[in-house]
Amino acid sequence: FQPPDATPQKAKRSNLSYSPTTGTCQMSPFSSPTSHRAQNARNGTEQSDSKSGLSRRGQPQTEHDVFLQLHSQVRNSLPKILKLRANLTSLKALEGSRELKNILGVSHSSCVLSAELQKTQALVSQAEKLQLLKANHGEVPAR
């Protein structure tokens, strides 16, 4: 016969700070070997790396990196945007009204999002080439 406190379940609860690996007890809840990140995750205060402005390597993100990340997000969400736009355009209640143009921002015929995205990508590529030329030769070629 075992006393009720000696059951494995109760023994585990009472010895949460005991480490069988080291044979020691935790003296303070603040000296826990858990990482700062794990502690923050429990408290719900951890920010993702992208929100804190640090890349995975711990380096601050440049404006260019942030721009490329946002550009990628726009490119990836383009099909969804186009689908939503098509659904809005097909609404019978708003068809042909000024309200539809206000919701979409512009009339759909005057602006093609995929074309705008390609133009932006071309401009980014040109800017990168100019920066490389400037870095290699110290000057921008005349146009």
N, C-alpha and C. Protein backbone atom coordinates (compact mmCIF):
# COMPACT_ATOMS: atom_id res chain seq x y z
N PHE A 1 0.84 -1.20 0.00
CA PHE A 1 0.00 0.00 0.00
C PHE A 1 0.87 1.24 0.00
N GLN A 2 0.57 2.23 -0.93
CA GLN A 2 1.33 3.47 -0.99
C GLN A 2 0.46 4.62 -0.50
N PRO A 3 1.06 5.57 0.21
CA PRO A 3 0.27 6.74 0.62
C PRO A 3 -0.16 7.53 -0.62
N PRO A 4 -1.27 8.32 -0.56
CA PRO A 4 -1.78 9.03 -1.73
C PRO A 4 -0.79 10.02 -2.34
N ASP A 5 0.15 10.61 -1.55
CA ASP A 5 1.07 11.59 -2.14
C ASP A 5 2.17 10.92 -2.96
N ALA A 6 2.35 9.64 -2.82
CA ALA A 6 3.44 8.97 -3.52
C ALA A 6 3.04 8.47 -4.90
N THR A 7 1.82 8.73 -5.33
CA THR A 7 1.43 8.31 -6.67
C THR A 7 2.25 9.08 -7.69
N PRO A 8 2.57 8.47 -8.81
CA PRO A 8 3.43 9.14 -9.80
C PRO A 8 2.88 10.49 -10.25
N GLN A 9 1.57 10.60 -10.41
CA GLN A 9 1.01 11.86 -10.90
C GLN A 9 1.24 12.99 -9.91
N LYS A 10 1.00 12.76 -8.62
CA LYS A 10 1.20 13.80 -7.62
C LYS A 10 2.69 14.07 -7.41
N ALA A 11 3.50 13.05 -7.51
CA ALA A 11 4.94 13.23 -7.33
C ALA A 11 5.48 14.12 -8.44
N LYS A 12 5.00 13.96 -9.67
CA LYS A 12 5.46 14.80 -10.77
C LYS A 12 5.08 16.25 -10.54
N ARG A 13 3.88 16.49 -10.05
CA ARG A 13 3.44 17.87 -9.82
C ARG A 13 4.27 18.55 -8.74
N SER A 14 4.60 17.84 -7.70
CA SER A 14 5.32 18.48 -6.60
C SER A 14 6.79 18.68 -6.93
N ASN A 15 7.33 17.94 -7.89
CA ASN A 15 8.75 18.05 -8.23
C ASN A 15 8.97 18.66 -9.62
N LEU A 16 8.17 19.63 -10.00
CA LEU A 16 8.33 20.23 -11.32
C LEU A 16 9.69 20.91 -11.48
N SER A 17 10.26 21.39 -10.38
CA SER A 17 11.53 22.08 -10.50
C SER A 17 12.73 21.14 -10.37
N TYR A 18 12.51 19.86 -10.13
CA TYR A 18 13.60 18.89 -10.00
C TYR A 18 14.03 18.39 -11.37
N SER A 19 15.32 18.40 -11.62
CA SER A 19 15.86 17.91 -12.89
C SER A 19 16.55 16.57 -12.65
N PRO A 20 15.99 15.47 -13.17
CA PRO A 20 16.65 14.18 -13.00
C PRO A 20 17.98 14.10 -13.74
N THR A 21 18.17 14.93 -14.74
CA THR A 21 19.43 14.91 -15.49
C THR A 21 20.58 15.43 -14.64
N THR A 22 20.36 16.57 -13.99
CA THR A 22 21.42 17.18 -13.20
C THR A 22 21.34 16.82 -11.73
N GLY A 23 20.17 16.32 -11.30
CA GLY A 23 19.98 15.98 -9.89
C GLY A 23 19.84 17.20 -9.02
N THR A 24 19.44 18.33 -9.62
CA THR A 24 19.29 19.57 -8.86
C THR A 24 17.86 20.07 -8.93
N CYS A 25 17.55 21.00 -8.03
CA CYS A 25 16.24 21.64 -8.02
C CYS A 25 16.40 23.08 -8.47
N GLN A 26 15.37 23.59 -9.11
CA GLN A 26 15.36 24.99 -9.52
C GLN A 26 15.11 25.84 -8.29
N MET A 27 15.95 26.85 -8.06
CA MET A 27 15.82 27.66 -6.85
C MET A 27 14.82 28.79 -7.03
N SER A 28 14.72 29.33 -8.22
CA SER A 28 13.84 30.46 -8.45
C SER A 28 13.14 30.27 -9.78
N PRO A 29 11.87 30.68 -9.90
CA PRO A 29 11.21 30.54 -11.20
C PRO A 29 11.84 31.43 -12.26
N PHE A 30 12.61 32.43 -11.85
CA PHE A 30 13.22 33.35 -12.81
C PHE A 30 14.57 32.85 -13.31
N SER A 31 15.12 31.83 -12.67
CA SER A 31 16.40 31.30 -13.14
C SER A 31 16.21 30.07 -14.00
N SER A 32 15.05 29.97 -14.58
CA SER A 32 14.72 28.82 -15.41
C SER A 32 15.62 28.78 -16.63
N PRO A 33 16.04 27.58 -17.04
CA PRO A 33 16.90 27.49 -18.22
C PRO A 33 16.14 27.67 -19.53
N THR A 34 14.83 27.94 -19.46
CA THR A 34 14.08 28.16 -20.70
C THR A 34 14.58 29.42 -21.38
N SER A 35 14.52 29.40 -22.68
CA SER A 35 15.03 30.54 -23.44
C SER A 35 14.12 31.74 -23.29
N HIS A 36 14.66 32.89 -23.56
CA HIS A 36 13.90 34.14 -23.53
C HIS A 36 12.74 34.08 -24.52
N ARG A 37 12.99 33.50 -25.68
CA ARG A 37 11.96 33.39 -26.71
C ARG A 37 10.81 32.51 -26.23
N ALA A 38 11.13 31.38 -25.59
CA ALA A 38 10.08 30.49 -25.09
C ALA A 38 9.28 31.18 -24.00
N GLN A 39 9.95 31.95 -23.15
CA GLN A 39 9.26 32.68 -22.09
C GLN A 39 8.32 33.72 -22.71
N ASN A 40 8.79 34.42 -23.72
CA ASN A 40 7.95 35.42 -24.38
C ASN A 40 6.77 34.77 -25.08
N ALA A 41 6.98 33.60 -25.66
CA ALA A 41 5.89 32.92 -26.35
C ALA A 41 4.80 32.54 -25.35
N ARG A 42 5.21 32.13 -24.13
CA ARG A 42 4.22 31.81 -23.11
C ARG A 42 3.47 33.06 -22.68
N ASN A 43 4.16 34.18 -22.61
CA ASN A 43 3.52 35.42 -22.19
C ASN A 43 2.78 36.10 -23.32
N GLY A 44 2.99 35.65 -24.54
CA GLY A 44 2.33 36.25 -25.69
C GLY A 44 2.93 37.58 -26.10
N THR A 45 4.18 37.84 -25.70
CA THR A 45 4.79 39.13 -26.01
C THR A 45 5.81 39.05 -27.13
N GLU A 46 6.07 37.86 -27.65
CA GLU A 46 7.10 37.73 -28.68
C GLU A 46 6.62 38.33 -29.99
N GLN A 47 7.51 39.07 -30.65
CA GLN A 47 7.21 39.60 -31.97
C GLN A 47 7.94 38.74 -32.98
N SER A 48 7.36 38.62 -34.16
CA SER A 48 8.06 37.85 -35.19
C SER A 48 9.27 38.64 -35.65
N ASP A 49 10.23 37.92 -36.27
CA ASP A 49 11.45 38.58 -36.72
C ASP A 49 11.16 39.67 -37.73
N SER A 50 10.17 39.46 -38.60
CA SER A 50 9.89 40.47 -39.61
C SER A 50 9.33 41.73 -38.97
N LYS A 51 8.57 41.60 -37.88
CA LYS A 51 8.01 42.77 -37.23
C LYS A 51 9.07 43.53 -36.46
N SER A 52 10.08 42.83 -35.93
CA SER A 52 11.09 43.51 -35.14
C SER A 52 12.16 44.14 -36.02
N GLY A 53 12.13 43.86 -37.32
CA GLY A 53 13.08 44.49 -38.23
C GLY A 53 14.40 43.75 -38.34
N LEU A 54 14.47 42.53 -37.83
CA LEU A 54 15.70 41.75 -37.93
C LEU A 54 15.48 40.57 -38.85
N SER A 55 16.48 40.27 -39.65
CA SER A 55 16.39 39.10 -40.51
C SER A 55 16.75 37.87 -39.69
N ARG A 56 16.69 36.70 -40.31
CA ARG A 56 17.01 35.47 -39.59
C ARG A 56 18.45 35.45 -39.10
N ARG A 57 19.33 36.14 -39.81
CA ARG A 57 20.74 36.14 -39.42
C ARG A 57 21.02 37.18 -38.35
N GLY A 58 19.99 37.88 -37.90
CA GLY A 58 20.19 38.88 -36.86
C GLY A 58 20.62 40.23 -37.40
N GLN A 59 20.64 40.38 -38.71
CA GLN A 59 21.03 41.64 -39.33
C GLN A 59 19.80 42.50 -39.56
N PRO A 60 19.91 43.82 -39.39
CA PRO A 60 18.75 44.66 -39.67
C PRO A 60 18.39 44.61 -41.16
N GLN A 61 17.10 44.62 -41.44
CA GLN A 61 16.66 44.58 -42.83
C GLN A 61 16.85 45.95 -43.46
N THR A 62 17.26 45.94 -44.71
CA THR A 62 17.39 47.19 -45.44
C THR A 62 16.03 47.54 -46.03
N GLU A 63 15.87 48.78 -46.45
CA GLU A 63 14.62 49.18 -47.09
C GLU A 63 14.38 48.33 -48.33
N HIS A 64 15.45 47.99 -49.02
CA HIS A 64 15.35 47.19 -50.23
C HIS A 64 14.79 45.80 -49.91
N ASP A 65 15.29 45.18 -48.83
CA ASP A 65 14.79 43.87 -48.42
C ASP A 65 13.31 43.93 -48.07
N VAL A 66 12.93 44.97 -47.34
CA VAL A 66 11.53 45.13 -46.95
C VAL A 66 10.67 45.33 -48.20
N PHE A 67 11.17 46.14 -49.14
CA PHE A 67 10.43 46.38 -50.38
C PHE A 67 10.24 45.08 -51.15
N LEU A 68 11.32 44.30 -51.29
CA LEU A 68 11.22 43.04 -52.02
C LEU A 68 10.25 42.07 -51.35
N GLN A 69 10.24 42.07 -50.03
CA GLN A 69 9.32 41.20 -49.29
C GLN A 69 7.88 41.63 -49.55
N LEU A 70 7.62 42.92 -49.48
CA LEU A 70 6.26 43.43 -49.75
C LEU A 70 5.86 43.17 -51.20
N HIS A 71 6.80 43.37 -52.11
CA HIS A 71 6.52 43.13 -53.53
C HIS A 71 6.15 41.67 -53.76
N SER A 72 6.86 40.79 -53.10
CA SER A 72 6.56 39.36 -53.21
C SER A 72 5.17 39.04 -52.67
N GLN A 73 4.82 39.67 -51.56
CA GLN A 73 3.48 39.45 -50.99
C GLN A 73 2.40 39.93 -51.94
N VAL A 74 2.62 41.08 -52.57
CA VAL A 74 1.65 41.59 -53.54
C VAL A 74 1.53 40.64 -54.72
N ARG A 75 2.69 40.19 -55.23
CA ARG A 75 2.69 39.27 -56.37
C ARG A 75 1.95 37.98 -56.02
N ASN A 76 2.17 37.46 -54.82
CA ASN A 76 1.51 36.22 -54.41
C ASN A 76 0.02 36.40 -54.18
N SER A 77 -0.40 37.59 -53.81
CA SER A 77 -1.83 37.81 -53.55
C SER A 77 -2.57 38.32 -54.78
N LEU A 78 -1.86 38.55 -55.89
CA LEU A 78 -2.49 39.07 -57.10
C LEU A 78 -3.66 38.22 -57.59
N PRO A 79 -3.53 36.89 -57.68
CA PRO A 79 -4.69 36.10 -58.14
C PRO A 79 -5.93 36.28 -57.26
N LYS A 80 -5.70 36.34 -55.96
CA LYS A 80 -6.83 36.53 -55.04
C LYS A 80 -7.46 37.91 -55.24
N ILE A 81 -6.62 38.93 -55.42
CA ILE A 81 -7.13 40.29 -55.64
C ILE A 81 -7.95 40.34 -56.92
N LEU A 82 -7.43 39.72 -57.98
CA LEU A 82 -8.15 39.72 -59.25
C LEU A 82 -9.47 38.98 -59.14
N LYS A 83 -9.49 37.89 -58.39
CA LYS A 83 -10.73 37.14 -58.20
C LYS A 83 -11.75 37.97 -57.43
N LEU A 84 -11.30 38.62 -56.37
CA LEU A 84 -12.20 39.47 -55.59
C LEU A 84 -12.73 40.63 -56.44
N ARG A 85 -11.84 41.19 -57.24
CA ARG A 85 -12.24 42.30 -58.11
C ARG A 85 -13.30 41.83 -59.11
N ALA A 86 -13.12 40.64 -59.67
CA ALA A 86 -14.10 40.10 -60.62
C ALA A 86 -15.44 39.86 -59.93
N ASN A 87 -15.39 39.36 -58.70
CA ASN A 87 -16.64 39.16 -57.95
C ASN A 87 -17.35 40.48 -57.69
N LEU A 88 -16.58 41.50 -57.34
CA LEU A 88 -17.19 42.81 -57.10
C LEU A 88 -17.80 43.37 -58.38
N THR A 89 -17.10 43.18 -59.48
CA THR A 89 -17.59 43.74 -60.74
C THR A 89 -18.89 43.07 -61.17
N SER A 90 -19.05 41.82 -60.78
CA SER A 90 -20.24 41.11 -61.22
C SER A 90 -21.45 41.33 -60.31
N LEU A 91 -21.30 42.10 -59.28
CA LEU A 91 -22.45 42.37 -58.41
C LEU A 91 -23.50 43.16 -59.18
N LYS A 92 -24.71 42.61 -59.22
CA LYS A 92 -25.78 43.25 -59.99
C LYS A 92 -26.23 44.56 -59.36
N ALA A 93 -26.22 44.64 -58.04
CA ALA A 93 -26.74 45.83 -57.36
C ALA A 93 -25.89 47.06 -57.65
N LEU A 94 -24.60 46.85 -57.89
CA LEU A 94 -23.71 47.99 -58.09
C LEU A 94 -23.32 48.20 -59.55
N GLU A 95 -23.81 47.34 -60.42
CA GLU A 95 -23.37 47.36 -61.80
C GLU A 95 -23.62 48.72 -62.45
N GLY A 96 -22.58 49.27 -63.04
CA GLY A 96 -22.67 50.54 -63.75
C GLY A 96 -22.77 51.76 -62.86
N SER A 97 -22.71 51.59 -61.56
CA SER A 97 -22.87 52.75 -60.68
C SER A 97 -21.53 53.35 -60.29
N ARG A 98 -21.57 54.57 -59.83
CA ARG A 98 -20.38 55.27 -59.37
C ARG A 98 -19.83 54.58 -58.11
N GLU A 99 -20.71 53.97 -57.33
CA GLU A 99 -20.29 53.31 -56.09
C GLU A 99 -19.31 52.18 -56.37
N LEU A 100 -19.52 51.44 -57.43
CA LEU A 100 -18.61 50.35 -57.78
C LEU A 100 -17.21 50.89 -58.07
N LYS A 101 -17.13 51.99 -58.79
CA LYS A 101 -15.82 52.59 -59.09
C LYS A 101 -15.15 53.07 -57.81
N ASN A 102 -15.95 53.56 -56.86
CA ASN A 102 -15.37 54.00 -55.59
C ASN A 102 -14.82 52.81 -54.79
N ILE A 103 -15.52 51.67 -54.84
CA ILE A 103 -15.05 50.48 -54.12
C ILE A 103 -13.76 49.98 -54.74
N LEU A 104 -13.70 49.92 -56.05
CA LEU A 104 -12.52 49.40 -56.74
C LEU A 104 -11.38 50.40 -56.78
N GLY A 105 -11.67 51.64 -56.55
CA GLY A 105 -10.64 52.67 -56.60
C GLY A 105 -10.57 53.33 -57.96
N VAL A 106 -10.63 52.55 -59.00
CA VAL A 106 -10.64 53.05 -60.38
C VAL A 106 -11.49 52.09 -61.19
N SER A 107 -11.85 52.50 -62.37
CA SER A 107 -12.58 51.56 -63.22
C SER A 107 -11.61 50.47 -63.66
N HIS A 108 -12.08 49.23 -63.72
CA HIS A 108 -11.17 48.11 -63.97
C HIS A 108 -10.51 48.16 -65.33
N SER A 109 -11.08 48.86 -66.29
CA SER A 109 -10.48 48.90 -67.62
C SER A 109 -9.25 49.80 -67.67
N SER A 110 -9.15 50.76 -66.75
CA SER A 110 -8.04 51.71 -66.84
C SER A 110 -6.77 51.21 -66.16
N CYS A 111 -6.87 50.15 -65.40
CA CYS A 111 -5.69 49.69 -64.66
C CYS A 111 -5.66 48.17 -64.60
N VAL A 112 -4.60 47.59 -65.12
CA VAL A 112 -4.44 46.14 -65.04
C VAL A 112 -3.34 45.88 -64.01
N LEU A 113 -3.72 45.23 -62.91
CA LEU A 113 -2.79 45.04 -61.80
C LEU A 113 -1.56 44.23 -62.19
N SER A 114 -1.74 43.19 -62.97
CA SER A 114 -0.58 42.36 -63.32
C SER A 114 0.42 43.16 -64.16
N ALA A 115 -0.08 44.04 -65.03
CA ALA A 115 0.82 44.88 -65.83
C ALA A 115 1.56 45.86 -64.93
N GLU A 116 0.86 46.44 -63.96
CA GLU A 116 1.50 47.36 -63.02
C GLU A 116 2.59 46.64 -62.23
N LEU A 117 2.31 45.41 -61.85
CA LEU A 117 3.28 44.63 -61.09
C LEU A 117 4.52 44.34 -61.93
N GLN A 118 4.33 44.04 -63.21
CA GLN A 118 5.47 43.80 -64.10
C GLN A 118 6.29 45.07 -64.30
N LYS A 119 5.61 46.21 -64.43
CA LYS A 119 6.34 47.48 -64.57
C LYS A 119 7.18 47.75 -63.34
N THR A 120 6.60 47.51 -62.17
CA THR A 120 7.32 47.74 -60.92
C THR A 120 8.54 46.84 -60.84
N GLN A 121 8.38 45.57 -61.22
CA GLN A 121 9.50 44.63 -61.18
C GLN A 121 10.60 45.07 -62.14
N ALA A 122 10.23 45.56 -63.32
CA ALA A 122 11.22 46.04 -64.28
C ALA A 122 11.98 47.24 -63.72
N LEU A 123 11.27 48.15 -63.07
CA LEU A 123 11.93 49.31 -62.48
C LEU A 123 12.87 48.90 -61.35
N VAL A 124 12.46 47.93 -60.55
CA VAL A 124 13.33 47.44 -59.47
C VAL A 124 14.59 46.83 -60.06
N SER A 125 14.44 46.05 -61.12
CA SER A 125 15.61 45.44 -61.77
C SER A 125 16.56 46.50 -62.31
N GLN A 126 16.00 47.54 -62.94
CA GLN A 126 16.84 48.63 -63.45
C GLN A 126 17.58 49.32 -62.31
N ALA A 127 16.88 49.58 -61.22
CA ALA A 127 17.51 50.24 -60.08
C ALA A 127 18.64 49.39 -59.51
N GLU A 128 18.42 48.08 -59.43
CA GLU A 128 19.47 47.18 -58.93
C GLU A 128 20.69 47.20 -59.84
N LYS A 129 20.47 47.19 -61.16
CA LYS A 129 21.59 47.23 -62.10
C LYS A 129 22.37 48.53 -61.95
N LEU A 130 21.64 49.64 -61.81
CA LEU A 130 22.32 50.93 -61.65
C LEU A 130 23.13 50.96 -60.36
N GLN A 131 22.58 50.39 -59.29
CA GLN A 131 23.31 50.36 -58.03
C GLN A 131 24.57 49.51 -58.15
N LEU A 132 24.48 48.39 -58.87
CA LEU A 132 25.67 47.56 -59.07
C LEU A 132 26.72 48.28 -59.89
N LEU A 133 26.28 48.95 -60.96
CA LEU A 133 27.23 49.71 -61.78
C LEU A 133 27.89 50.80 -60.96
N LYS A 134 27.09 51.50 -60.18
CA LYS A 134 27.62 52.59 -59.36
C LYS A 134 28.60 52.04 -58.33
N ALA A 135 28.29 50.90 -57.74
CA ALA A 135 29.18 50.30 -56.74
C ALA A 135 30.49 49.83 -57.38
N ASN A 136 30.42 49.32 -58.61
CA ASN A 136 31.62 48.80 -59.27
C ASN A 136 32.49 49.90 -59.85
N HIS A 137 31.88 50.94 -60.39
CA HIS A 137 32.65 51.98 -61.08
C HIS A 137 32.62 53.32 -60.37
N GLY A 138 31.80 53.46 -59.37
CA GLY A 138 31.75 54.71 -58.63
C GLY A 138 30.94 55.79 -59.30
N GLU A 139 30.35 55.50 -60.45
CA GLU A 139 29.54 56.51 -61.13
C GLU A 139 28.42 55.84 -61.92
N VAL A 140 27.38 56.59 -62.17
CA VAL A 140 26.24 56.09 -62.93
C VAL A 140 26.46 56.44 -64.39
N PRO A 141 26.25 55.50 -65.32
CA PRO A 141 26.45 55.81 -66.74
C PRO A 141 25.44 56.85 -67.22
N ALA A 142 25.88 57.70 -68.16
CA ALA A 142 25.00 58.74 -68.69
C ALA A 142 23.93 58.10 -69.56
N ARG A 143 22.75 58.72 -69.56
CA ARG A 143 21.66 58.18 -70.37
C ARG A 143 21.54 58.92 -71.66
